[in-house]
Amino acid sequence: MSRPSKREAATAHHEAGHAVVGVVQRTGVTIVSIVPNHETGIVGHTKNRRLERTFLPEDGRDPRDVRRRLEPHILAAWAGVLAERKYDGRRHNWDGARIDLEDIAEMVHFCVKGERQERKYGEFLRVEAEDLVAFVWPQVEAVTAALLSHRTLRRPAILEAMRGSALPGPRALVPARPDDDRIGTVQEER
């Protein structure tokens, strides 16, 4: 295998950030890929299971319920941009970052009331996502390496890469089975 370009490595870190934080936050990550789509210009993507079709934030639900459902997705969306930045201090994937930031803004809008709260809550979640990316960085690196080698990973391969990472602590955050969204040790301790 040839050595990946700086842009390809940055994209792999970006997508691995989404995937790892998505697994930890239980967003239902199903696939992550750095295979570019030349028609759309997208250089990578991570797929999660969709929020329930019946979940419409506008339908007068309690804001706490809206935040509980959307916050994991917001953290996973932030994780791509933040992992790419942690990798080399800048963003290479401007289109991907733009899409992520638009998605984040839309989800944050549904979580709180008013522009001031949106800014503050969005900033709070960015800082929380930064801390989370730092905590799971060995898993991000492991998934990045697997992505650079295989280009596309399905959920079982993502989990396997995360389990094989260097840091013992967050391995407990990886579900025991590929089809299990419960988080291993964390669930068992309750």
Protein backbone atom coordinates (compact mmCIF):
# COMPACT_ATOMS: atom_id res chain seq x y z
CA MET A 1 0.00 0.00 0.00
CA SER A 2 1.33 3.44 -0.87
CA ARG A 3 1.67 6.12 1.75
CA PRO A 4 -1.57 8.15 2.04
CA SER A 5 -1.58 11.82 1.11
CA LYS A 6 -1.93 14.37 3.90
CA ARG A 7 -5.48 15.12 2.69
CA GLU A 8 -6.44 11.43 2.68
CA ALA A 9 -5.01 10.97 6.19
CA ALA A 10 -6.89 14.07 7.37
CA THR A 11 -10.12 12.74 5.85
CA ALA A 12 -9.58 9.37 7.54
CA HIS A 13 -9.10 11.12 10.91
CA HIS A 14 -12.23 13.21 10.25
CA GLU A 15 -14.39 10.17 9.48
CA ALA A 16 -12.82 8.09 12.25
CA GLY A 17 -13.69 10.88 14.71
CA HIS A 18 -17.34 10.69 13.64
CA ALA A 19 -17.34 6.89 13.81
CA VAL A 20 -15.63 6.45 17.19
CA VAL A 21 -17.61 9.14 18.98
CA GLY A 22 -20.74 7.82 17.27
CA VAL A 23 -20.05 4.36 18.71
CA VAL A 24 -19.36 5.76 22.18
CA GLN A 25 -22.46 7.96 22.03
CA ARG A 26 -24.58 5.12 20.57
CA THR A 27 -25.74 6.90 17.43
CA GLY A 28 -25.91 3.58 15.61
CA VAL A 29 -22.84 3.86 13.38
CA THR A 30 -23.17 1.32 10.58
CA ILE A 31 -20.41 2.24 8.12
CA VAL A 32 -17.50 4.66 7.68
CA SER A 33 -15.70 5.28 4.41
CA ILE A 34 -13.03 7.44 2.82
CA VAL A 35 -14.04 6.47 -0.71
CA PRO A 36 -14.73 9.81 -2.43
CA ASN A 37 -17.95 10.47 -4.29
CA HIS A 38 -16.76 12.42 -7.32
CA GLU A 39 -20.29 13.47 -8.27
CA THR A 40 -21.00 15.21 -4.96
CA GLY A 41 -17.42 16.11 -4.05
CA ILE A 42 -17.73 14.37 -0.67
CA VAL A 43 -14.41 12.74 0.26
CA GLY A 44 -15.71 10.50 3.04
CA HIS A 45 -18.81 9.67 5.03
CA THR A 46 -20.09 8.00 8.16
CA LYS A 47 -23.57 6.48 8.26
CA ASN A 48 -25.64 6.22 11.43
CA ARG A 49 -29.05 4.75 11.91
CA ARG A 50 -31.60 7.49 11.55
CA LEU A 51 -33.42 9.06 14.45
CA GLU A 52 -36.86 7.55 14.75
CA ARG A 53 -39.12 8.80 11.98
CA THR A 54 -41.70 9.75 14.59
CA PHE A 55 -39.24 12.06 16.32
CA LEU A 56 -39.91 15.59 15.14
CA PRO A 57 -38.30 18.23 17.36
CA GLU A 58 -40.94 20.75 16.30
CA ASP A 59 -43.87 18.73 17.66
CA GLY A 60 -43.90 20.36 21.10
CA ARG A 61 -41.76 17.78 22.90
CA ASP A 62 -40.09 18.57 26.18
CA PRO A 63 -36.75 20.28 25.32
CA ARG A 64 -34.95 17.88 27.66
CA ASP A 65 -36.16 14.95 25.55
CA VAL A 66 -35.05 16.71 22.38
CA ARG A 67 -31.59 17.36 23.85
CA ARG A 68 -31.31 13.77 25.11
CA ARG A 69 -31.98 12.45 21.60
CA LEU A 70 -29.95 14.97 19.60
CA GLU A 71 -26.91 15.57 21.82
CA PRO A 72 -25.13 12.29 20.90
CA HIS A 73 -25.54 13.13 17.21
CA ILE A 74 -24.25 16.68 17.78
CA LEU A 75 -21.17 15.36 19.61
CA ALA A 76 -20.49 12.86 16.82
CA ALA A 77 -20.87 15.61 14.21
CA TRP A 78 -18.40 17.85 16.06
CA ALA A 79 -15.97 14.94 16.43
CA GLY A 80 -15.09 14.81 12.72
CA VAL A 81 -13.97 18.42 12.51
CA LEU A 82 -12.19 18.21 15.87
CA ALA A 83 -10.37 14.96 15.09
CA GLU A 84 -9.15 16.35 11.79
CA ARG A 85 -7.93 19.49 13.55
CA LYS A 86 -6.26 17.44 16.33
CA TYR A 87 -4.47 15.38 13.68
CA ASP A 88 -2.64 18.27 12.04
CA GLY A 89 -3.96 21.53 13.40
CA ARG A 90 -6.16 22.46 10.44
CA ARG A 91 -9.07 21.35 8.27
CA HIS A 92 -8.53 19.87 4.84
CA ASN A 93 -12.10 18.76 4.21
CA TRP A 94 -13.88 22.11 3.92
CA ASP A 95 -17.01 20.70 2.29
CA GLY A 96 -17.34 17.98 4.91
CA ALA A 97 -16.74 20.47 7.71
CA ARG A 98 -19.31 22.87 6.24
CA ILE A 99 -21.93 20.11 6.08
CA ASP A 100 -21.11 19.02 9.65
CA LEU A 101 -21.32 22.58 10.98
CA GLU A 102 -24.66 23.15 9.23
CA ASP A 103 -26.01 19.91 10.71
CA ILE A 104 -24.75 20.91 14.17
CA ALA A 105 -26.38 24.34 13.92
CA GLU A 106 -29.70 22.80 12.88
CA MET A 107 -29.69 20.24 15.70
CA VAL A 108 -28.64 22.81 18.32
CA HIS A 109 -31.47 25.06 17.13
CA PHE A 110 -33.98 22.36 18.10
CA CYS A 111 -32.42 21.86 21.55
CA VAL A 112 -32.72 25.36 22.99
CA LYS A 113 -34.68 28.56 22.61
CA GLY A 114 -33.14 31.69 21.17
CA GLU A 115 -29.95 32.73 19.44
CA ARG A 116 -27.98 33.38 22.64
CA GLN A 117 -28.76 29.91 24.02
CA GLU A 118 -27.90 28.36 20.66
CA ARG A 119 -24.44 29.97 20.70
CA LYS A 120 -23.75 29.01 24.32
CA TYR A 121 -25.09 25.46 24.05
CA GLY A 122 -23.27 24.90 20.75
CA GLU A 123 -20.01 26.09 22.32
CA PHE A 124 -20.57 23.88 25.37
CA LEU A 125 -21.06 20.84 23.12
CA ARG A 126 -17.97 21.72 21.07
CA VAL A 127 -15.87 21.76 24.25
CA GLU A 128 -17.46 18.50 25.41
CA ALA A 129 -16.72 16.94 22.01
CA GLU A 130 -13.09 18.17 22.19
CA ASP A 131 -12.69 16.42 25.55
CA LEU A 132 -14.34 13.28 24.22
CA VAL A 133 -12.12 13.20 21.12
CA ALA A 134 -9.04 13.60 23.34
CA PHE A 135 -10.23 10.74 25.57
CA VAL A 136 -10.87 8.33 22.66
CA TRP A 137 -7.91 9.48 20.54
CA PRO A 138 -6.24 6.03 20.55
CA GLN A 139 -9.46 4.57 19.13
CA VAL A 140 -9.64 7.35 16.52
CA GLU A 141 -6.08 6.54 15.47
CA ALA A 142 -6.86 2.82 15.31
CA VAL A 143 -9.97 3.35 13.15
CA THR A 144 -7.99 5.81 10.99
CA ALA A 145 -5.32 3.15 10.35
CA ALA A 146 -7.99 0.60 9.44
CA LEU A 147 -9.68 3.13 7.12
CA LEU A 148 -6.43 3.95 5.36
CA SER A 149 -5.88 0.24 4.85
CA HIS A 150 -9.40 -0.85 3.87
CA ARG A 151 -11.06 2.47 2.81
CA THR A 152 -14.51 1.34 4.05
CA LEU A 153 -15.39 -0.27 7.39
CA ARG A 154 -18.67 -1.75 8.52
CA ARG A 155 -19.66 -1.68 12.19
CA PRO A 156 -17.94 -4.97 13.21
CA ALA A 157 -14.61 -3.77 11.73
CA ILE A 158 -14.97 -0.38 13.45
CA LEU A 159 -15.53 -2.09 16.79
CA GLU A 160 -12.63 -4.48 16.21
CA ALA A 161 -10.27 -1.58 15.47
CA MET A 162 -11.46 0.23 18.59
CA ARG A 163 -10.95 -2.87 20.76
CA GLY A 164 -7.40 -3.24 19.47
CA SER A 165 -6.36 0.31 20.36
CA ALA A 166 -3.60 1.13 22.81
CA LEU A 167 -5.54 2.72 25.67
CA PRO A 168 -7.18 0.19 28.02
CA GLY A 169 -9.84 2.48 29.55
CA PRO A 170 -12.05 3.33 26.58
CA ARG A 171 -12.07 -0.27 25.33
CA ALA A 172 -14.81 -0.75 27.92
CA LEU A 173 -16.82 1.75 25.88
CA VAL A 174 -16.98 -0.61 22.90
CA PRO A 175 -20.09 -2.82 22.73
CA ALA A 176 -19.37 -6.50 23.29
CA ARG A 177 -21.18 -7.56 20.10
CA PRO A 178 -21.37 -5.68 16.78
CA ASP A 179 -25.18 -5.61 16.90
CA ASP A 180 -25.32 -4.45 20.53
CA ASP A 181 -25.61 -0.71 21.12
CA ARG A 182 -25.25 -1.08 24.86
CA ILE A 183 -21.83 0.01 26.02
CA GLY A 184 -19.99 -2.94 27.59
CA THR A 185 -18.66 -2.27 31.07
CA VAL A 186 -20.53 1.00 31.54
CA GLN A 187 -23.87 -0.84 31.28
CA GLU A 188 -22.73 -3.69 33.52
CA GLU A 189 -21.75 -1.32 36.35
CA ARG A 190 -25.26 0.18 36.68
